[in-house]
């Protein structure tokens, strides 16, 4: 099993980076969605999952197509 892949529901995601949640928190404790979205886009990801006190920046692994 590859450590850089996580399964959520019926989808598989390749983990591009892990980063602590506190890096994206505003002074009131809420998450700054805009900055988080820009960071995900910068890394080339298309999905963000939270696991404990970390965000997992992920890229969706597409299903195989049989030709």
N, C-alpha and C. Protein backbone atom coordinates (compact mmCIF):
# COMPACT_ATOMS: atom_id res chain seq x y z
N UNK A 1 0.84 -1.19 0.00
CA UNK A 1 0.00 0.00 0.00
C UNK A 1 0.88 1.24 0.00
N UNK A 2 0.53 2.19 -0.81
CA UNK A 2 1.28 3.43 -0.94
C UNK A 2 0.88 4.39 0.17
N UNK A 3 1.87 4.97 0.87
CA UNK A 3 1.58 5.91 1.95
C UNK A 3 1.07 7.25 1.44
N UNK A 4 1.26 7.54 0.18
CA UNK A 4 0.86 8.83 -0.37
C UNK A 4 -0.52 8.79 -1.00
N UNK A 5 -1.29 7.74 -0.71
CA UNK A 5 -2.65 7.62 -1.24
C UNK A 5 -3.59 7.45 -0.06
N UNK A 6 -4.71 8.16 -0.11
CA UNK A 6 -5.73 8.04 0.92
C UNK A 6 -7.06 7.79 0.22
N UNK A 7 -7.88 6.97 0.84
CA UNK A 7 -9.19 6.63 0.28
C UNK A 7 -10.28 7.26 1.14
N UNK A 8 -11.19 7.95 0.50
CA UNK A 8 -12.32 8.59 1.17
C UNK A 8 -13.57 8.25 0.39
N UNK A 9 -14.42 7.43 0.97
CA UNK A 9 -15.60 6.97 0.25
C UNK A 9 -15.16 6.06 -0.89
N UNK A 10 -15.63 6.36 -2.10
CA UNK A 10 -15.25 5.59 -3.27
C UNK A 10 -14.14 6.26 -4.07
N UNK A 11 -13.53 7.30 -3.53
CA UNK A 11 -12.50 8.05 -4.25
C UNK A 11 -11.12 7.80 -3.65
N UNK A 12 -10.12 7.84 -4.50
CA UNK A 12 -8.72 7.73 -4.07
C UNK A 12 -8.04 9.06 -4.36
N UNK A 13 -7.21 9.50 -3.42
CA UNK A 13 -6.51 10.77 -3.54
C UNK A 13 -5.02 10.58 -3.32
N UNK A 14 -4.23 11.22 -4.15
CA UNK A 14 -2.78 11.25 -3.97
C UNK A 14 -2.46 12.45 -3.08
N UNK A 15 -1.77 12.21 -1.97
CA UNK A 15 -1.43 13.29 -1.04
C UNK A 15 -0.22 14.03 -1.58
N UNK A 16 -0.38 15.32 -1.83
CA UNK A 16 0.71 16.15 -2.33
C UNK A 16 1.49 16.79 -1.20
N UNK A 17 0.78 17.15 -0.11
CA UNK A 17 1.43 17.82 1.02
C UNK A 17 0.54 17.73 2.25
N UNK A 18 1.17 17.77 3.41
CA UNK A 18 0.47 17.87 4.69
C UNK A 18 0.91 19.17 5.34
N UNK A 19 -0.04 19.91 5.89
CA UNK A 19 0.30 21.18 6.53
C UNK A 19 -0.65 21.39 7.71
N UNK A 20 -0.14 21.97 8.77
CA UNK A 20 -0.94 22.18 9.97
C UNK A 20 -2.04 23.21 9.74
N UNK A 21 -3.18 22.98 10.36
CA UNK A 21 -4.35 23.83 10.22
C UNK A 21 -4.06 25.26 10.68
N UNK A 22 -3.26 25.41 11.73
CA UNK A 22 -3.03 26.75 12.30
C UNK A 22 -2.39 27.71 11.31
N UNK A 23 -1.80 27.20 10.24
CA UNK A 23 -1.20 28.07 9.22
C UNK A 23 -2.25 28.85 8.43
N UNK A 24 -3.51 28.41 8.48
CA UNK A 24 -4.57 29.05 7.71
C UNK A 24 -5.67 29.64 8.60
N UNK A 25 -5.44 29.71 9.90
CA UNK A 25 -6.45 30.23 10.80
C UNK A 25 -6.37 31.75 10.91
N UNK A 26 -7.55 32.36 10.96
CA UNK A 26 -7.66 33.79 11.23
C UNK A 26 -7.49 34.01 12.73
N UNK A 27 -7.45 35.27 13.14
CA UNK A 27 -7.28 35.58 14.56
C UNK A 27 -8.45 35.09 15.41
N UNK A 28 -9.63 34.92 14.80
CA UNK A 28 -10.79 34.42 15.55
C UNK A 28 -10.89 32.90 15.53
N UNK A 29 -9.94 32.21 14.91
CA UNK A 29 -9.92 30.75 14.90
C UNK A 29 -10.55 30.12 13.68
N UNK A 30 -11.23 30.91 12.85
CA UNK A 30 -11.84 30.36 11.64
C UNK A 30 -10.76 30.15 10.57
N UNK A 31 -11.08 29.31 9.60
CA UNK A 31 -10.13 29.00 8.53
C UNK A 31 -10.29 30.02 7.40
N UNK A 32 -9.17 30.55 6.92
CA UNK A 32 -9.18 31.47 5.80
C UNK A 32 -9.25 30.63 4.52
N UNK A 33 -10.47 30.44 4.02
CA UNK A 33 -10.72 29.57 2.87
C UNK A 33 -10.02 30.06 1.60
N UNK A 34 -9.94 31.36 1.44
CA UNK A 34 -9.32 31.92 0.23
C UNK A 34 -7.83 31.58 0.16
N UNK A 35 -7.12 31.78 1.26
CA UNK A 35 -5.69 31.49 1.29
C UNK A 35 -5.46 29.99 1.14
N UNK A 36 -6.28 29.18 1.80
CA UNK A 36 -6.16 27.73 1.68
C UNK A 36 -6.39 27.30 0.23
N UNK A 37 -7.39 27.87 -0.42
CA UNK A 37 -7.67 27.55 -1.82
C UNK A 37 -6.52 27.93 -2.75
N UNK A 38 -5.91 29.07 -2.48
CA UNK A 38 -4.77 29.49 -3.31
C UNK A 38 -3.59 28.54 -3.11
N UNK A 39 -3.39 28.07 -1.88
CA UNK A 39 -2.30 27.14 -1.60
C UNK A 39 -2.54 25.79 -2.30
N UNK A 40 -3.77 25.31 -2.26
CA UNK A 40 -4.12 24.06 -2.94
C UNK A 40 -3.87 24.21 -4.44
N UNK A 41 -4.30 25.32 -5.01
CA UNK A 41 -4.09 25.59 -6.44
C UNK A 41 -2.60 25.67 -6.77
N UNK A 42 -1.82 26.32 -5.91
CA UNK A 42 -0.38 26.46 -6.11
C UNK A 42 0.31 25.09 -6.18
N UNK A 43 -0.13 24.16 -5.35
CA UNK A 43 0.47 22.82 -5.34
C UNK A 43 -0.06 21.93 -6.46
N UNK A 44 -1.08 22.37 -7.16
CA UNK A 44 -1.64 21.57 -8.24
C UNK A 44 -2.67 20.57 -7.76
N UNK A 45 -3.18 20.78 -6.56
CA UNK A 45 -4.19 19.88 -6.02
C UNK A 45 -5.59 20.29 -6.43
N UNK A 46 -6.55 19.40 -6.15
CA UNK A 46 -7.94 19.71 -6.45
C UNK A 46 -8.86 19.36 -5.29
N UNK A 47 -8.27 18.97 -4.16
CA UNK A 47 -9.07 18.58 -3.01
C UNK A 47 -8.27 18.79 -1.74
N UNK A 48 -8.95 19.11 -0.66
CA UNK A 48 -8.31 19.30 0.63
C UNK A 48 -9.09 18.52 1.68
N UNK A 49 -8.41 17.64 2.39
CA UNK A 49 -9.02 16.86 3.46
C UNK A 49 -8.40 17.27 4.78
N UNK A 50 -9.18 17.18 5.85
CA UNK A 50 -8.64 17.46 7.17
C UNK A 50 -8.54 16.17 7.95
N UNK A 51 -7.38 15.94 8.52
CA UNK A 51 -7.15 14.75 9.33
C UNK A 51 -6.49 15.21 10.63
N UNK A 52 -7.27 15.25 11.69
CA UNK A 52 -6.76 15.75 12.96
C UNK A 52 -6.48 17.24 12.86
N UNK A 53 -5.26 17.64 13.18
CA UNK A 53 -4.88 19.05 13.12
C UNK A 53 -4.07 19.38 11.87
N UNK A 54 -4.24 18.57 10.82
CA UNK A 54 -3.52 18.79 9.56
C UNK A 54 -4.50 18.82 8.39
N UNK A 55 -4.14 19.60 7.39
CA UNK A 55 -4.82 19.56 6.10
C UNK A 55 -3.99 18.68 5.17
N UNK A 56 -4.65 17.82 4.43
CA UNK A 56 -4.00 17.01 3.41
C UNK A 56 -4.37 17.60 2.06
N UNK A 57 -3.39 18.14 1.37
CA UNK A 57 -3.61 18.70 0.04
C UNK A 57 -3.49 17.55 -0.94
N UNK A 58 -4.55 17.29 -1.70
CA UNK A 58 -4.63 16.08 -2.51
C UNK A 58 -4.97 16.36 -3.96
N UNK A 59 -4.67 15.35 -4.76
CA UNK A 59 -5.06 15.34 -6.17
C UNK A 59 -5.88 14.07 -6.38
N UNK A 60 -7.04 14.19 -7.00
CA UNK A 60 -7.92 13.05 -7.22
C UNK A 60 -7.29 12.10 -8.22
N UNK A 61 -7.30 10.81 -7.89
CA UNK A 61 -6.82 9.78 -8.81
C UNK A 61 -8.04 9.32 -9.61
N UNK A 62 -7.99 9.54 -10.90
CA UNK A 62 -9.11 9.21 -11.76
C UNK A 62 -9.23 7.70 -11.93
N UNK A 63 -10.47 7.23 -12.15
CA UNK A 63 -10.69 5.83 -12.40
C UNK A 63 -10.10 5.44 -13.74
N UNK A 64 -9.66 4.20 -13.81
CA UNK A 64 -9.08 3.69 -15.06
C UNK A 64 -10.18 3.53 -16.11
N UNK A 65 -9.84 3.83 -17.35
CA UNK A 65 -10.77 3.67 -18.45
C UNK A 65 -10.26 2.55 -19.35
N UNK A 66 -11.07 1.53 -19.54
CA UNK A 66 -10.67 0.41 -20.38
C UNK A 66 -11.08 0.72 -21.82
N UNK A 67 -10.10 0.63 -22.70
CA UNK A 67 -10.33 0.99 -24.10
C UNK A 67 -10.62 -0.27 -24.90
